C-alpha atoms as a PDB file:
ATOM      1  CA  UNK A   1     234.734 174.325 -32.447  1.00  0.00           C
ATOM      2  CA  UNK A   2     233.623 174.768 -29.006  1.00  0.00           C
ATOM      3  CA  UNK A   3     233.843 170.934 -28.376  1.00  0.00           C
ATOM      4  CA  UNK A   4     236.798 170.445 -29.971  1.00  0.00           C
ATOM      5  CA  UNK A   5     238.634 173.226 -27.662  1.00  0.00           C
ATOM      6  CA  UNK A   6     237.188 171.408 -24.754  1.00  0.00           C
ATOM      7  CA  UNK A   7     238.398 167.806 -25.882  1.00  0.00           C
ATOM      8  CA  UNK A   8     241.782 169.411 -26.551  1.00  0.00           C
ATOM      9  CA  UNK A   9     241.904 170.870 -23.199  1.00  0.00           C
ATOM     10  CA  UNK A  10     241.037 167.629 -21.628  1.00  0.00           C
ATOM     11  CA  UNK A  11     243.708 165.833 -23.714  1.00  0.00           C
ATOM     12  CA  UNK A  12     246.462 168.162 -22.664  1.00  0.00           C
ATOM     13  CA  UNK A  13     245.408 167.890 -18.791  1.00  0.00           C
ATOM     14  CA  UNK A  14     245.393 164.002 -19.235  1.00  0.00           C
ATOM     15  CA  UNK A  15     248.417 164.101 -20.964  1.00  0.00           C
ATOM     16  CA  UNK A  16     250.099 166.220 -18.277  1.00  0.00           C
ATOM     17  CA  UNK A  17     248.630 163.851 -15.990  1.00  0.00           C
ATOM     18  CA  UNK A  18     250.220 160.907 -17.365  1.00  0.00           C
ATOM     19  CA  UNK A  19     253.483 162.320 -16.865  1.00  0.00           C
ATOM     20  CA  UNK A  20     252.808 162.452 -13.007  1.00  0.00           C
ATOM     21  CA  UNK A  21     254.419 159.255 -11.766  1.00  0.00           C
ATOM     22  CA  UNK A  22     252.663 157.156  -8.974  1.00  0.00           C
ATOM     23  CA  UNK A  23     249.210 158.793  -9.308  1.00  0.00           C
ATOM     24  CA  UNK A  24     246.588 156.502  -8.042  1.00  0.00           C
ATOM     25  CA  UNK A  25     242.929 157.159  -7.966  1.00  0.00           C
ATOM     26  CA  UNK A  26     240.202 155.831  -5.779  1.00  0.00           C
ATOM     27  CA  UNK A  27     237.282 158.341  -6.356  1.00  0.00           C
ATOM     28  CA  UNK A  28     233.954 156.548  -5.428  1.00  0.00           C
ATOM     29  CA  UNK A  29     231.536 159.304  -5.968  1.00  0.00           C
ATOM     30  CA  UNK A  30     230.916 162.599  -7.733  1.00  0.00           C
ATOM     31  CA  UNK A  31     228.316 164.404  -5.950  1.00  0.00           C
ATOM     32  CA  UNK A  32     226.217 167.017  -7.055  1.00  0.00           C
ATOM     33  CA  UNK A  33     226.568 169.453  -4.142  1.00  0.00           C
ATOM     34  CA  UNK A  34     229.908 170.992  -5.416  1.00  0.00           C
ATOM     35  CA  UNK A  35     232.330 168.911  -3.881  1.00  0.00           C
ATOM     36  CA  UNK A  36     234.173 165.673  -4.936  1.00  0.00           C
ATOM     37  CA  UNK A  37     234.510 162.864  -2.450  1.00  0.00           C
ATOM     38  CA  UNK A  38     236.154 159.726  -1.872  1.00  0.00           C
ATOM     39  CA  UNK A  39     235.287 156.861   0.697  1.00  0.00           C
ATOM     40  CA  UNK A  40     237.671 158.100   2.946  1.00  0.00           C
ATOM     41  CA  UNK A  41     237.159 162.006   3.469  1.00  0.00           C
ATOM     42  CA  UNK A  42     235.465 164.967   1.784  1.00  0.00           C
ATOM     43  CA  UNK A  43     238.057 166.558  -0.621  1.00  0.00           C
ATOM     44  CA  UNK A  44     236.122 169.842  -1.168  1.00  0.00           C
ATOM     45  CA  UNK A  45     237.221 170.890  -4.641  1.00  0.00           C
ATOM     46  CA  UNK A  46     234.754 173.419  -5.489  1.00  0.00           C
ATOM     47  CA  UNK A  47     232.792 174.019  -8.810  1.00  0.00           C
ATOM     48  CA  UNK A  48     233.377 177.325 -10.280  1.00  0.00           C
ATOM     49  CA  UNK A  49     230.200 179.634  -9.440  1.00  0.00           C
ATOM     50  CA  UNK A  50     227.796 179.748 -11.979  1.00  0.00           C
ATOM     51  CA  UNK A  51     229.766 177.613 -14.445  1.00  0.00           C
ATOM     52  CA  UNK A  52     228.157 174.844 -16.667  1.00  0.00           C
ATOM     53  CA  UNK A  53     229.445 171.410 -16.250  1.00  0.00           C
ATOM     54  CA  UNK A  54     230.352 170.311 -19.654  1.00  0.00           C
ATOM     55  CA  UNK A  55     231.870 166.697 -18.978  1.00  0.00           C
ATOM     56  CA  UNK A  56     233.020 164.369 -16.473  1.00  0.00           C
ATOM     57  CA  UNK A  57     235.381 161.450 -16.846  1.00  0.00           C
ATOM     58  CA  UNK A  58     237.188 159.275 -14.302  1.00  0.00           C
ATOM     59  CA  UNK A  59     240.336 157.583 -15.873  1.00  0.00           C
ATOM     60  CA  UNK A  60     241.883 154.808 -13.912  1.00  0.00           C
ATOM     61  CA  UNK A  61     245.518 155.796 -12.783  1.00  0.00           C
ATOM     62  CA  UNK A  62     244.814 159.218 -14.037  1.00  0.00           C
ATOM     63  CA  UNK A  63     242.003 160.467 -12.080  1.00  0.00           C
ATOM     64  CA  UNK A  64     239.015 162.574 -12.619  1.00  0.00           C
ATOM     65  CA  UNK A  65     238.801 165.391 -15.316  1.00  0.00           C
ATOM     66  CA  UNK A  66     235.611 167.679 -14.887  1.00  0.00           C
ATOM     67  CA  UNK A  67     235.169 170.452 -17.406  1.00  0.00           C
ATOM     68  CA  UNK A  68     233.110 173.334 -17.113  1.00  0.00           C
ATOM     69  CA  UNK A  69     232.274 176.814 -19.207  1.00  0.00           C
ATOM     70  CA  UNK A  70     231.672 180.173 -17.959  1.00  0.00           C
ATOM     71  CA  UNK A  71     231.620 183.571 -19.285  1.00  0.00           C
ATOM     72  CA  UNK A  72     234.191 184.944 -16.520  1.00  0.00           C
ATOM     73  CA  UNK A  73     237.796 185.648 -17.380  1.00  0.00           C
ATOM     74  CA  UNK A  74     240.467 183.265 -17.037  1.00  0.00           C
ATOM     75  CA  UNK A  75     242.038 185.734 -14.647  1.00  0.00           C
ATOM     76  CA  UNK A  76     238.899 185.483 -12.241  1.00  0.00           C
ATOM     77  CA  UNK A  77     238.719 181.707 -12.536  1.00  0.00           C
ATOM     78  CA  UNK A  78     242.467 181.209 -11.431  1.00  0.00           C
ATOM     79  CA  UNK A  79     242.166 183.576  -8.600  1.00  0.00           C
ATOM     80  CA  UNK A  80     239.175 181.871  -7.297  1.00  0.00           C
ATOM     81  CA  UNK A  81     240.875 178.463  -7.372  1.00  0.00           C
ATOM     82  CA  UNK A  82     244.005 180.056  -5.837  1.00  0.00           C
ATOM     83  CA  UNK A  83     242.129 181.463  -3.124  1.00  0.00           C
ATOM     84  CA  UNK A  84     239.741 178.378  -2.449  1.00  0.00           C
ATOM     85  CA  UNK A  85     242.163 175.531  -2.685  1.00  0.00           C
ATOM     86  CA  UNK A  86     244.799 177.503  -0.316  1.00  0.00           C
ATOM     87  CA  UNK A  87     241.744 177.879   2.216  1.00  0.00           C
ATOM     88  CA  UNK A  88     241.442 174.067   1.672  1.00  0.00           C
ATOM     89  CA  UNK A  89     244.937 173.348   2.897  1.00  0.00           C
ATOM     90  CA  UNK A  90     246.547 172.950  -0.548  1.00  0.00           C
ATOM     91  CA  UNK A  91     249.887 174.741  -1.768  1.00  0.00           C
ATOM     92  CA  UNK A  92     250.375 175.842  -5.195  1.00  0.00           C
ATOM     93  CA  UNK A  93     253.330 173.650  -6.530  1.00  0.00           C
ATOM     94  CA  UNK A  94     253.065 175.053 -10.221  1.00  0.00           C
ATOM     95  CA  UNK A  95     251.440 178.382 -11.674  1.00  0.00           C
ATOM     96  CA  UNK A  96     251.582 179.151 -15.389  1.00  0.00           C
ATOM     97  CA  UNK A  97     249.741 181.872 -16.921  1.00  0.00           C
ATOM     98  CA  UNK A  98     250.029 183.133 -20.623  1.00  0.00           C
ATOM     99  CA  UNK A  99     251.249 186.725 -21.051  1.00  0.00           C
ATOM    100  CA  UNK A 100     247.656 187.783 -22.425  1.00  0.00           C
ATOM    101  CA  UNK A 101     246.037 186.146 -19.514  1.00  0.00           C
ATOM    102  CA  UNK A 102     243.934 184.139 -21.680  1.00  0.00           C
ATOM    103  CA  UNK A 103     244.869 180.680 -20.567  1.00  0.00           C
ATOM    104  CA  UNK A 104     246.750 179.276 -17.515  1.00  0.00           C
ATOM    105  CA  UNK A 105     247.461 176.259 -15.279  1.00  0.00           C
ATOM    106  CA  UNK A 106     247.653 176.011 -11.550  1.00  0.00           C
ATOM    107  CA  UNK A 107     248.719 172.539  -9.891  1.00  0.00           C
ATOM    108  CA  UNK A 108     247.826 172.326  -6.299  1.00  0.00           C
ATOM    109  CA  UNK A 109     249.129 169.772  -3.969  1.00  0.00           C
ATOM    110  CA  UNK A 110     248.409 168.482  -0.368  1.00  0.00           C
ATOM    111  CA  UNK A 111     250.359 165.619   0.795  1.00  0.00           C
ATOM    112  CA  UNK A 112     250.019 163.125  -2.040  1.00  0.00           C
ATOM    113  CA  UNK A 113     246.846 164.621  -3.508  1.00  0.00           C
ATOM    114  CA  UNK A 114     246.985 166.900  -6.609  1.00  0.00           C
ATOM    115  CA  UNK A 115     244.744 169.218  -8.501  1.00  0.00           C
ATOM    116  CA  UNK A 116     245.053 170.447 -11.786  1.00  0.00           C
ATOM    117  CA  UNK A 117     243.174 173.736 -12.848  1.00  0.00           C
ATOM    118  CA  UNK A 118     243.513 174.437 -16.652  1.00  0.00           C
ATOM    119  CA  UNK A 119     241.560 177.653 -18.086  1.00  0.00           C
ATOM    120  CA  UNK A 120     241.578 178.632 -21.776  1.00  0.00           C
ATOM    121  CA  UNK A 121     239.460 181.104 -23.304  1.00  0.00           C
ATOM    122  CA  UNK A 122     237.667 181.299 -26.792  1.00  0.00           C
ATOM    123  CA  UNK A 123     235.218 183.670 -28.125  1.00  0.00           C
ATOM    124  CA  UNK A 124     234.610 185.487 -24.811  1.00  0.00           C
ATOM    125  CA  UNK A 125     233.870 181.980 -22.895  1.00  0.00           C
ATOM    126  CA  UNK A 126     236.384 180.454 -20.546  1.00  0.00           C
ATOM    127  CA  UNK A 127     236.832 176.624 -20.587  1.00  0.00           C
ATOM    128  CA  UNK A 128     237.685 175.167 -17.304  1.00  0.00           C
ATOM    129  CA  UNK A 129     239.285 171.680 -16.751  1.00  0.00           C
ATOM    130  CA  UNK A 130     239.782 170.410 -13.158  1.00  0.00           C
ATOM    131  CA  UNK A 131     241.891 167.198 -13.024  1.00  0.00           C
ATOM    132  CA  UNK A 132     242.054 165.603  -9.336  1.00  0.00           C
ATOM    133  CA  UNK A 133     244.454 162.788  -8.418  1.00  0.00           C
ATOM    134  CA  UNK A 134     243.920 161.447  -4.951  1.00  0.00           C
ATOM    135  CA  UNK A 135     246.042 158.621  -3.034  1.00  0.00           C
ATOM    136  CA  UNK A 136     243.726 155.811  -1.561  1.00  0.00           C
END
């Protein structure tokens, strides 16, 4: 069931990503030192602290989708990304949170680059999906 929810989250994020017109990707390397990088610049999209990376995919014309699992609440995760991404010069372009604060989506923008952070909770565990779309 946990795998199903993770896959569902990835599909939702990817589906939303396809709705974004003009998105292109030129991701060369996913480093293990907690940042995503392209050949042009370090993009500094942080991993959530103490989270376990579940999956990674790089979908042409969509971007990277990386999923994580943590025991922290969705609210903690969303607050972390709000703070970290704004420190890196990204603005919040969309912000959706469920009334019960058990799920949410934040879309960050910086020029033509976007980062989508989707979180959801099931049985006390929080799934995180980070989708990146960076212009070459």
